[in-house]
Amino acid sequence: MRASDRPCAAWRTSKRSQKNGECVAVAHLPRAVAVRDSKKPDSGQLTFTLAAWQAFSQDIKHGTHDL
């Protein structure tokens, strides 16, 4: 799905994003969370269920993934 397909989505980037634009944008939807490349917003997006996004976010916070 293209970003333009969700015109009412409020996209945001992290306060910790790099100034060079290498980050993702996130939009909270009614029953999901969408993620896209902030430099190429019309190149598509990934959509996750709220449960999957919350689990992923908790894993990141707890250092489960080697970033």
C-alpha atoms as a PDB file:
ATOM      1  CA  MET A   1       0.000   0.000   0.000  1.00  0.00           C
ATOM      2  CA  ARG A   2       1.311   3.455  -0.883  1.00  0.00           C
ATOM      3  CA  ALA A   3       1.430   6.287   1.654  1.00  0.00           C
ATOM      4  CA  SER A   4      -0.894   8.293  -0.577  1.00  0.00           C
ATOM      5  CA  ASP A   5      -3.519   5.572  -0.005  1.00  0.00           C
ATOM      6  CA  ARG A   6      -3.724   6.700   3.633  1.00  0.00           C
ATOM      7  CA  PRO A   7      -4.208  10.476   3.308  1.00  0.00           C
ATOM      8  CA  CYS A   8      -5.481  10.912   6.875  1.00  0.00           C
ATOM      9  CA  ALA A   9      -2.620   9.016   8.519  1.00  0.00           C
ATOM     10  CA  ALA A  10      -0.525  11.221  10.813  1.00  0.00           C
ATOM     11  CA  TRP A  11       3.051  10.185  10.044  1.00  0.00           C
ATOM     12  CA  ARG A  12       5.826  10.982  12.514  1.00  0.00           C
ATOM     13  CA  THR A  13       9.506  10.277  12.925  1.00  0.00           C
ATOM     14  CA  SER A  14      11.433   9.686  16.116  1.00  0.00           C
ATOM     15  CA  LYS A  15      12.955  12.601  17.996  1.00  0.00           C
ATOM     16  CA  ARG A  16      16.166  10.576  17.811  1.00  0.00           C
ATOM     17  CA  SER A  17      16.180  10.361  14.002  1.00  0.00           C
ATOM     18  CA  GLN A  18      19.323  11.297  12.178  1.00  0.00           C
ATOM     19  CA  LYS A  19      19.387  14.622  10.342  1.00  0.00           C
ATOM     20  CA  ASN A  20      20.549  12.818   7.169  1.00  0.00           C
ATOM     21  CA  GLY A  21      17.037  11.431   6.738  1.00  0.00           C
ATOM     22  CA  GLU A  22      17.904   7.789   7.383  1.00  0.00           C
ATOM     23  CA  CYS A  23      14.906   6.904   9.474  1.00  0.00           C
ATOM     24  CA  VAL A  24      11.421   5.524   9.279  1.00  0.00           C
ATOM     25  CA  ALA A  25       8.092   7.250   9.736  1.00  0.00           C
ATOM     26  CA  VAL A  26       5.319   5.646  11.784  1.00  0.00           C
ATOM     27  CA  ALA A  27       1.565   6.197  11.653  1.00  0.00           C
ATOM     28  CA  HIS A  28      -0.822   4.882  14.287  1.00  0.00           C
ATOM     29  CA  LEU A  29      -3.991   3.657  12.600  1.00  0.00           C
ATOM     30  CA  PRO A  30      -7.245   2.516  14.235  1.00  0.00           C
ATOM     31  CA  ARG A  31      -6.251  -1.174  14.375  1.00  0.00           C
ATOM     32  CA  ALA A  32      -2.668  -1.179  13.154  1.00  0.00           C
ATOM     33  CA  VAL A  33       0.645   0.639  12.893  1.00  0.00           C
ATOM     34  CA  ALA A  34       2.127   1.536   9.516  1.00  0.00           C
ATOM     35  CA  VAL A  35       5.850   2.069   8.901  1.00  0.00           C
ATOM     36  CA  ARG A  36       7.475   3.668   5.838  1.00  0.00           C
ATOM     37  CA  ASP A  37      10.815   5.017   4.620  1.00  0.00           C
ATOM     38  CA  SER A  38      10.862   8.712   5.501  1.00  0.00           C
ATOM     39  CA  LYS A  39      12.951   9.597   2.428  1.00  0.00           C
ATOM     40  CA  LYS A  40      10.649   7.732   0.004  1.00  0.00           C
ATOM     41  CA  PRO A  41       7.168   8.033   1.492  1.00  0.00           C
ATOM     42  CA  ASP A  42       5.382   6.868  -1.658  1.00  0.00           C
ATOM     43  CA  SER A  43       7.478   3.729  -2.089  1.00  0.00           C
ATOM     44  CA  GLY A  44       5.197   1.644   0.111  1.00  0.00           C
ATOM     45  CA  GLN A  45       4.736   0.781   3.739  1.00  0.00           C
ATOM     46  CA  LEU A  46       4.552  -2.121   6.102  1.00  0.00           C
ATOM     47  CA  THR A  47       1.506  -2.524   8.320  1.00  0.00           C
ATOM     48  CA  PHE A  48       1.554  -4.402  11.616  1.00  0.00           C
ATOM     49  CA  THR A  49      -1.173  -5.352  14.060  1.00  0.00           C
ATOM     50  CA  LEU A  50      -1.086  -3.411  17.311  1.00  0.00           C
ATOM     51  CA  ALA A  51      -0.036  -6.560  19.196  1.00  0.00           C
ATOM     52  CA  ALA A  52       2.841  -7.267  16.802  1.00  0.00           C
ATOM     53  CA  TRP A  53       4.049  -3.646  16.969  1.00  0.00           C
ATOM     54  CA  GLN A  54       3.890  -3.590  20.770  1.00  0.00           C
ATOM     55  CA  ALA A  55       5.842  -6.851  20.991  1.00  0.00           C
ATOM     56  CA  PHE A  56       8.476  -5.543  18.570  1.00  0.00           C
ATOM     57  CA  SER A  57       8.754  -2.229  20.442  1.00  0.00           C
ATOM     58  CA  GLN A  58       9.219  -4.018  23.759  1.00  0.00           C
ATOM     59  CA  ASP A  59      11.888  -6.267  22.238  1.00  0.00           C
ATOM     60  CA  ILE A  60      13.768  -3.196  20.997  1.00  0.00           C
ATOM     61  CA  LYS A  61      13.545  -1.506  24.403  1.00  0.00           C
ATOM     62  CA  HIS A  62      14.858  -4.637  26.113  1.00  0.00           C
ATOM     63  CA  GLY A  63      17.765  -5.093  23.698  1.00  0.00           C
ATOM     64  CA  THR A  64      16.470  -8.318  22.151  1.00  0.00           C
ATOM     65  CA  HIS A  65      17.473  -7.201  18.658  1.00  0.00           C
ATOM     66  CA  ASP A  66      21.067  -6.269  17.873  1.00  0.00           C
ATOM     67  CA  LEU A  67      20.693  -2.837  16.309  1.00  0.00           C
END
